Amino acid sequence: MTLGQVYGRATWDAAFAEEIDEAAWSLCVLGQDDQSCSTAVGYRGKPGGRSPRPACRGTGCREWRWGQSQLERAESTAA
């Protein structure tokens, strides 16, 4: 199954879309309720130090990164 097929089905199958969303939130390294979720800290992770943590690619952190990308594009076209 391709990525297009998955998200294509999610457009017409509400139950499937809900399951996809739940699965994406489960990818969150920090946990959906953590204050660092949906921030740069969560997205980038903490590769070294005493308590290393992998970069998060859960829904909240991906949405944060998408928003940052939109801001960066808007700033580059305005300049």
PDB file of N, CA and C in Angstrom:
ATOM      1  N   MET A   1       0.844  -1.172   0.000  1.00  0.00           N
ATOM      2  CA  MET A   1       0.000   0.000   0.000  1.00  0.00           C
ATOM      3  C   MET A   1       0.893   1.241   0.000  1.00  0.00           C
ATOM      4  N   THR A   2       0.540   2.228  -0.789  1.00  0.00           N
ATOM      5  CA  THR A   2       1.340   3.446  -0.866  1.00  0.00           C
ATOM      6  C   THR A   2       0.823   4.493   0.119  1.00  0.00           C
ATOM      7  N   LEU A   3       1.640   5.491   0.357  1.00  0.00           N
ATOM      8  CA  LEU A   3       1.257   6.586   1.233  1.00  0.00           C
ATOM      9  C   LEU A   3       0.025   7.310   0.675  1.00  0.00           C
ATOM     10  N   GLY A   4      -0.022   7.488  -0.634  1.00  0.00           N
ATOM     11  CA  GLY A   4      -1.178   8.121  -1.275  1.00  0.00           C
ATOM     12  C   GLY A   4      -2.455   7.329  -1.072  1.00  0.00           C
ATOM     13  N   GLN A   5      -2.371   6.011  -1.124  1.00  0.00           N
ATOM     14  CA  GLN A   5      -3.544   5.174  -0.900  1.00  0.00           C
ATOM     15  C   GLN A   5      -4.037   5.293   0.544  1.00  0.00           C
ATOM     16  N   VAL A   6      -3.092   5.338   1.478  1.00  0.00           N
ATOM     17  CA  VAL A   6      -3.466   5.449   2.894  1.00  0.00           C
ATOM     18  C   VAL A   6      -4.198   6.761   3.135  1.00  0.00           C
ATOM     19  N   TYR A   7      -3.596   7.865   2.731  1.00  0.00           N
ATOM     20  CA  TYR A   7      -4.231   9.158   2.978  1.00  0.00           C
ATOM     21  C   TYR A   7      -5.435   9.395   2.080  1.00  0.00           C
ATOM     22  N   GLY A   8      -5.462   8.748   0.930  1.00  0.00           N
ATOM     23  CA  GLY A   8      -6.656   8.809   0.082  1.00  0.00           C
ATOM     24  C   GLY A   8      -7.844   8.164   0.770  1.00  0.00           C
ATOM     25  N   ARG A   9      -7.620   7.012   1.368  1.00  0.00           N
ATOM     26  CA  ARG A   9      -8.699   6.349   2.097  1.00  0.00           C
ATOM     27  C   ARG A   9      -9.119   7.169   3.304  1.00  0.00           C
ATOM     28  N   ALA A  10      -8.161   7.795   3.958  1.00  0.00           N
ATOM     29  CA  ALA A  10      -8.475   8.600   5.141  1.00  0.00           C
ATOM     30  C   ALA A  10      -9.391   9.772   4.808  1.00  0.00           C
ATOM     31  N   THR A  11      -9.430  10.203   3.553  1.00  0.00           N
ATOM     32  CA  THR A  11     -10.313  11.313   3.175  1.00  0.00           C
ATOM     33  C   THR A  11     -11.774  10.899   3.122  1.00  0.00           C
ATOM     34  N   TRP A  12     -12.045   9.635   2.863  1.00  0.00           N
ATOM     35  CA  TRP A  12     -13.450   9.205   2.774  1.00  0.00           C
ATOM     36  C   TRP A  12     -13.880   8.237   3.869  1.00  0.00           C
ATOM     37  N   ASP A  13     -12.939   7.697   4.631  1.00  0.00           N
ATOM     38  CA  ASP A  13     -13.252   6.738   5.691  1.00  0.00           C
ATOM     39  C   ASP A  13     -12.881   7.362   7.043  1.00  0.00           C
ATOM     40  N   ALA A  14     -13.870   7.924   7.733  1.00  0.00           N
ATOM     41  CA  ALA A  14     -13.626   8.652   8.985  1.00  0.00           C
ATOM     42  C   ALA A  14     -13.030   7.753  10.070  1.00  0.00           C
ATOM     43  N   ALA A  15     -13.479   6.520  10.165  1.00  0.00           N
ATOM     44  CA  ALA A  15     -12.955   5.606  11.188  1.00  0.00           C
ATOM     45  C   ALA A  15     -11.479   5.300  10.916  1.00  0.00           C
ATOM     46  N   PHE A  16     -11.144   5.103   9.653  1.00  0.00           N
ATOM     47  CA  PHE A  16      -9.758   4.846   9.266  1.00  0.00           C
ATOM     48  C   PHE A  16      -8.894   6.073   9.556  1.00  0.00           C
ATOM     49  N   ALA A  17      -9.405   7.250   9.258  1.00  0.00           N
ATOM     50  CA  ALA A  17      -8.673   8.496   9.531  1.00  0.00           C
ATOM     51  C   ALA A  17      -8.408   8.653  11.021  1.00  0.00           C
ATOM     52  N   GLU A  18      -9.369   8.300  11.852  1.00  0.00           N
ATOM     53  CA  GLU A  18      -9.198   8.374  13.300  1.00  0.00           C
ATOM     54  C   GLU A  18      -8.106   7.413  13.772  1.00  0.00           C
ATOM     55  N   GLU A  19      -8.081   6.213  13.223  1.00  0.00           N
ATOM     56  CA  GLU A  19      -7.050   5.236  13.576  1.00  0.00           C
ATOM     57  C   GLU A  19      -5.659   5.713  13.147  1.00  0.00           C
ATOM     58  N   ILE A  20      -5.561   6.320  11.981  1.00  0.00           N
ATOM     59  CA  ILE A  20      -4.283   6.856  11.505  1.00  0.00           C
ATOM     60  C   ILE A  20      -3.800   7.959  12.448  1.00  0.00           C
ATOM     61  N   ASP A  21      -4.715   8.840  12.835  1.00  0.00           N
ATOM     62  CA  ASP A  21      -4.353   9.927  13.737  1.00  0.00           C
ATOM     63  C   ASP A  21      -3.884   9.392  15.087  1.00  0.00           C
ATOM     64  N   GLU A  22      -4.573   8.396  15.602  1.00  0.00           N
ATOM     65  CA  GLU A  22      -4.187   7.793  16.877  1.00  0.00           C
ATOM     66  C   GLU A  22      -2.814   7.131  16.765  1.00  0.00           C
ATOM     67  N   ALA A  23      -2.563   6.463  15.671  1.00  0.00           N
ATOM     68  CA  ALA A  23      -1.270   5.817  15.463  1.00  0.00           C
ATOM     69  C   ALA A  23      -0.151   6.855  15.369  1.00  0.00           C
ATOM     70  N   ALA A  24      -0.417   7.974  14.709  1.00  0.00           N
ATOM     71  CA  ALA A  24       0.593   9.026  14.582  1.00  0.00           C
ATOM     72  C   ALA A  24       0.915   9.648  15.935  1.00  0.00           C
ATOM     73  N   TRP A  25      -0.104   9.840  16.779  1.00  0.00           N
ATOM     74  CA  TRP A  25       0.166  10.370  18.124  1.00  0.00           C
ATOM     75  C   TRP A  25       0.972   9.367  18.941  1.00  0.00           C
ATOM     76  N   SER A  26       0.811   8.079  18.692  1.00  0.00           N
ATOM     77  CA  SER A  26       1.549   7.078  19.460  1.00  0.00           C
ATOM     78  C   SER A  26       3.043   7.121  19.156  1.00  0.00           C
ATOM     79  N   LEU A  27       3.434   7.777  18.073  1.00  0.00           N
ATOM     80  CA  LEU A  27       4.848   7.922  17.736  1.00  0.00           C
ATOM     81  C   LEU A  27       5.549   8.945  18.620  1.00  0.00           C
ATOM     82  N   CYS A  28       4.783   9.708  19.384  1.00  0.00           N
ATOM     83  CA  CYS A  28       5.343  10.767  20.217  1.00  0.00           C
ATOM     84  C   CYS A  28       6.266  10.169  21.276  1.00  0.00           C
ATOM     85  N   VAL A  29       7.504  10.609  21.275  1.00  0.00           N
ATOM     86  CA  VAL A  29       8.510  10.121  22.212  1.00  0.00           C
ATOM     87  C   VAL A  29       8.225  10.631  23.619  1.00  0.00           C
ATOM     88  N   LEU A  30       7.755  11.865  23.711  1.00  0.00           N
ATOM     89  CA  LEU A  30       7.552  12.511  24.999  1.00  0.00           C
ATOM     90  C   LEU A  30       6.209  12.184  25.632  1.00  0.00           C
ATOM     91  N   GLY A  31       5.225  11.974  24.830  1.00  0.00           N
ATOM     92  CA  GLY A  31       3.864  11.808  25.321  1.00  0.00           C
ATOM     93  C   GLY A  31       3.060  13.056  24.998  1.00  0.00           C
ATOM     94  N   GLN A  32       1.867  12.881  24.560  1.00  0.00           N
ATOM     95  CA  GLN A  32       1.022  13.964  24.088  1.00  0.00           C
ATOM     96  C   GLN A  32       0.816  15.051  25.146  1.00  0.00           C
ATOM     97  N   ASP A  33       0.859  14.699  26.424  1.00  0.00           N
ATOM     98  CA  ASP A  33       0.605  15.652  27.495  1.00  0.00           C
ATOM     99  C   ASP A  33       1.854  16.374  27.986  1.00  0.00           C
ATOM    100  N   ASP A  34       3.018  16.012  27.492  1.00  0.00           N
ATOM    101  CA  ASP A  34       4.259  16.649  27.920  1.00  0.00           C
ATOM    102  C   ASP A  34       4.323  18.076  27.381  1.00  0.00           C
ATOM    103  N   GLN A  35       4.852  19.002  28.181  1.00  0.00           N
ATOM    104  CA  GLN A  35       4.924  20.402  27.762  1.00  0.00           C
ATOM    105  C   GLN A  35       5.893  20.621  26.603  1.00  0.00           C
ATOM    106  N   SER A  36       6.825  19.709  26.372  1.00  0.00           N
ATOM    107  CA  SER A  36       7.768  19.841  25.267  1.00  0.00           C
ATOM    108  C   SER A  36       7.208  19.297  23.954  1.00  0.00           C
ATOM    109  N   CYS A  37       6.080  18.605  24.019  1.00  0.00           N
ATOM    110  CA  CYS A  37       5.451  18.094  22.801  1.00  0.00           C
ATOM    111  C   CYS A  37       5.004  19.282  21.948  1.00  0.00           C
ATOM    112  N   SER A  38       5.179  19.186  20.674  1.00  0.00           N
ATOM    113  CA  SER A  38       4.802  20.238  19.714  1.00  0.00           C
ATOM    114  C   SER A  38       5.706  21.459  19.828  1.00  0.00           C
ATOM    115  N   THR A  39       6.972  21.252  20.175  1.00  0.00           N
ATOM    116  CA  THR A  39       7.949  22.336  20.262  1.00  0.00           C
ATOM    117  C   THR A  39       9.229  21.923  19.553  1.00  0.00           C
ATOM    118  N   ALA A  40      10.143  22.882  19.428  1.00  0.00           N
ATOM    119  CA  ALA A  40      11.440  22.595  18.824  1.00  0.00           C
ATOM    120  C   ALA A  40      12.201  21.559  19.643  1.00  0.00           C
ATOM    121  N   VAL A  41      12.094  21.646  20.964  1.00  0.00           N
ATOM    122  CA  VAL A  41      12.781  20.702  21.850  1.00  0.00           C
ATOM    123  C   VAL A  41      12.325  19.270  21.571  1.00  0.00           C
ATOM    124  N   GLY A  42      11.038  19.076  21.432  1.00  0.00           N
ATOM    125  CA  GLY A  42      10.521  17.744  21.152  1.00  0.00           C
ATOM    126  C   GLY A  42      10.926  17.250  19.777  1.00  0.00           C
ATOM    127  N   TYR A  43      10.809  18.120  18.780  1.00  0.00           N
ATOM    128  CA  TYR A  43      11.110  17.727  17.403  1.00  0.00           C
ATOM    129  C   TYR A  43      12.581  17.364  17.236  1.00  0.00           C
ATOM    130  N   ARG A  44      13.466  18.149  17.828  1.00  0.00           N
ATOM    131  CA  ARG A  44      14.904  17.924  17.642  1.00  0.00           C
ATOM    132  C   ARG A  44      15.467  16.813  18.507  1.00  0.00           C
ATOM    133  N   GLY A  45      14.838  16.537  19.628  1.00  0.00           N
ATOM    134  CA  GLY A  45      15.349  15.498  20.515  1.00  0.00           C
ATOM    135  C   GLY A  45      16.547  15.980  21.304  1.00  0.00           C
ATOM    136  N   LYS A  46      17.206  15.056  21.951  1.00  0.00           N
ATOM    137  CA  LYS A  46      18.386  15.372  22.763  1.00  0.00           C
ATOM    138  C   LYS A  46      19.383  14.233  22.560  1.00  0.00           C
ATOM    139  N   PRO A  47      20.259  14.379  21.552  1.00  0.00           N
ATOM    140  CA  PRO A  47      21.127  13.262  21.189  1.00  0.00           C
ATOM    141  C   PRO A  47      22.194  12.883  22.206  1.00  0.00           C
ATOM    142  N   GLY A  48      22.646  13.799  23.030  1.00  0.00           N
ATOM    143  CA  GLY A  48      23.728  13.469  23.954  1.00  0.00           C
ATOM    144  C   GLY A  48      23.361  13.796  25.387  1.00  0.00           C
ATOM    145  N   GLY A  49      24.354  13.739  26.244  1.00  0.00           N
ATOM    146  CA  GLY A  49      24.149  14.081  27.642  1.00  0.00           C
ATOM    147  C   GLY A  49      23.783  12.892  28.495  1.00  0.00           C
ATOM    148  N   ARG A  50      23.345  13.194  29.697  1.00  0.00           N
ATOM    149  CA  ARG A  50      23.015  12.124  30.644  1.00  0.00           C
ATOM    150  C   ARG A  50      21.730  11.381  30.307  1.00  0.00           C
ATOM    151  N   SER A  51      20.798  12.076  29.727  1.00  0.00           N
ATOM    152  CA  SER A  51      19.527  11.411  29.387  1.00  0.00           C
ATOM    153  C   SER A  51      19.169  11.693  27.937  1.00  0.00           C
ATOM    154  N   PRO A  52      19.842  11.009  26.992  1.00  0.00           N
ATOM    155  CA  PRO A  52      19.555  11.227  25.581  1.00  0.00           C
ATOM    156  C   PRO A  52      18.130  10.784  25.225  1.00  0.00           C
ATOM    157  N   ARG A  53      17.580  11.445  24.246  1.00  0.00           N
ATOM    158  CA  ARG A  53      16.230  11.135  23.800  1.00  0.00           C
ATOM    159  C   ARG A  53      16.180  11.309  22.280  1.00  0.00           C
ATOM    160  N   PRO A  54      15.576  10.366  21.574  1.00  0.00           N
ATOM    161  CA  PRO A  54      15.514  10.497  20.115  1.00  0.00           C
ATOM    162  C   PRO A  54      14.598  11.644  19.702  1.00  0.00           C
ATOM    163  N   ALA A  55      14.786  12.101  18.496  1.00  0.00           N
ATOM    164  CA  ALA A  55      13.911  13.134  17.949  1.00  0.00           C
ATOM    165  C   ALA A  55      12.505  12.578  17.825  1.00  0.00           C
ATOM    166  N   CYS A  56      11.528  13.417  18.084  1.00  0.00           N
ATOM    167  CA  CYS A  56      10.127  12.989  18.031  1.00  0.00           C
ATOM    168  C   CYS A  56       9.544  13.263  16.652  1.00  0.00           C
ATOM    169  N   ARG A  57       8.794  12.314  16.135  1.00  0.00           N
ATOM    170  CA  ARG A  57       8.096  12.507  14.868  1.00  0.00           C
ATOM    171  C   ARG A  57       6.607  12.219  15.035  1.00  0.00           C
ATOM    172  N   GLY A  58       6.123  12.401  16.248  1.00  0.00           N
ATOM    173  CA  GLY A  58       4.698  12.255  16.515  1.00  0.00           C
ATOM    174  C   GLY A  58       3.921  13.403  15.887  1.00  0.00           C
ATOM    175  N   THR A  59       2.628  13.337  15.944  1.00  0.00           N
ATOM    176  CA  THR A  59       1.758  14.317  15.304  1.00  0.00           C
ATOM    177  C   THR A  59       2.047  15.747  15.746  1.00  0.00           C
ATOM    178  N   GLY A  60       2.133  15.987  17.035  1.00  0.00           N
ATOM    179  CA  GLY A  60       2.344  17.344  17.528  1.00  0.00           C
ATOM    180  C   GLY A  60       3.639  17.952  17.038  1.00  0.00           C
ATOM    181  N   CYS A  61       4.713  17.202  17.098  1.00  0.00           N
ATOM    182  CA  CYS A  61       6.012  17.712  16.680  1.00  0.00           C
ATOM    183  C   CYS A  61       6.084  17.891  15.164  1.00  0.00           C
ATOM    184  N   ARG A  62       5.466  17.004  14.419  1.00  0.00           N
ATOM    185  CA  ARG A  62       5.425  17.190  12.955  1.00  0.00           C
ATOM    186  C   ARG A  62       4.613  18.416  12.594  1.00  0.00           C
ATOM    187  N   GLU A  63       3.502  18.662  13.300  1.00  0.00           N
ATOM    188  CA  GLU A  63       2.698  19.858  13.044  1.00  0.00           C
ATOM    189  C   GLU A  63       3.484  21.119  13.384  1.00  0.00           C
ATOM    190  N   TRP A  64       4.268  21.074  14.474  1.00  0.00           N
ATOM    191  CA  TRP A  64       5.114  22.214  14.815  1.00  0.00           C
ATOM    192  C   TRP A  64       6.096  22.484  13.688  1.00  0.00           C
ATOM    193  N   ARG A  65       6.762  21.440  13.192  1.00  0.00           N
ATOM    194  CA  ARG A  65       7.755  21.609  12.121  1.00  0.00           C
ATOM    195  C   ARG A  65       7.112  22.127  10.849  1.00  0.00           C
ATOM    196  N   TRP A  66       5.923  21.652  10.525  1.00  0.00           N
ATOM    197  CA  TRP A  66       5.216  22.131   9.340  1.00  0.00           C
ATOM    198  C   TRP A  66       4.930  23.627   9.477  1.00  0.00           C
ATOM    199  N   GLY A  67       4.486  24.054  10.650  1.00  0.00           N
ATOM    200  CA  GLY A  67       4.224  25.472  10.893  1.00  0.00           C
ATOM    201  C   GLY A  67       5.482  26.308  10.759  1.00  0.00           C
ATOM    202  N   GLN A  68       6.599  25.793  11.291  1.00  0.00           N
ATOM    203  CA  GLN A  68       7.871  26.504  11.167  1.00  0.00           C
ATOM    204  C   GLN A  68       8.285  26.619   9.706  1.00  0.00           C
ATOM    205  N   SER A  69       8.083  25.563   8.941  1.00  0.00           N
ATOM    206  CA  SER A  69       8.423  25.597   7.515  1.00  0.00           C
ATOM    207  C   SER A  69       7.603  26.656   6.787  1.00  0.00           C
ATOM    208  N   GLN A  70       6.330  26.755   7.141  1.00  0.00           N
ATOM    209  CA  GLN A  70       5.469  27.772   6.521  1.00  0.00           C
ATOM    210  C   GLN A  70       5.970  29.177   6.849  1.00  0.00           C
ATOM    211  N   LEU A  71       6.372  29.406   8.109  1.00  0.00           N
ATOM    212  CA  LEU A  71       6.908  30.710   8.505  1.00  0.00           C
ATOM    213  C   LEU A  71       8.201  31.021   7.761  1.00  0.00           C
ATOM    214  N   GLU A  72       9.090  30.034   7.658  1.00  0.00           N
ATOM    215  CA  GLU A  72      10.354  30.232   6.961  1.00  0.00           C
ATOM    216  C   GLU A  72      10.139  30.561   5.486  1.00  0.00           C
ATOM    217  N   ARG A  73       9.195  29.889   4.846  1.00  0.00           N
ATOM    218  CA  ARG A  73       8.883  30.171   3.444  1.00  0.00           C
ATOM    219  C   ARG A  73       8.317  31.571   3.276  1.00  0.00           C
ATOM    220  N   ALA A  74       7.419  31.950   4.184  1.00  0.00           N
ATOM    221  CA  ALA A  74       6.813  33.276   4.102  1.00  0.00           C
ATOM    222  C   ALA A  74       7.865  34.370   4.274  1.00  0.00           C
ATOM    223  N   GLU A  75       8.798  34.157   5.203  1.00  0.00           N
ATOM    224  CA  GLU A  75       9.859  35.126   5.428  1.00  0.00           C
ATOM    225  C   GLU A  75      10.800  35.214   4.233  1.00  0.00           C
ATOM    226  N   SER A  76      11.100  34.085   3.600  1.00  0.00           N
ATOM    227  CA  SER A  76      12.019  34.107   2.457  1.00  0.00           C
ATOM    228  C   SER A  76      11.394  34.744   1.227  1.00  0.00           C
ATOM    229  N   THR A  77      10.094  34.621   1.057  1.00  0.00           N
ATOM    230  CA  THR A  77       9.435  35.252  -0.093  1.00  0.00           C
ATOM    231  C   THR A  77       9.197  36.735   0.162  1.00  0.00           C
ATOM    232  N   ALA A  78       9.119  37.155   1.429  1.00  0.00           N
ATOM    233  CA  ALA A  78       8.915  38.558   1.767  1.00  0.00           C
ATOM    234  C   ALA A  78      10.218  39.348   1.630  1.00  0.00           C
ATOM    235  N   ALA A  79      11.328  38.650   1.729  1.00  0.00           N
ATOM    236  CA  ALA A  79      12.633  39.342   1.686  1.00  0.00           C
ATOM    237  C   ALA A  79      13.070  39.666   0.286  1.00  0.00           C
TER     238      ALA A  79
END
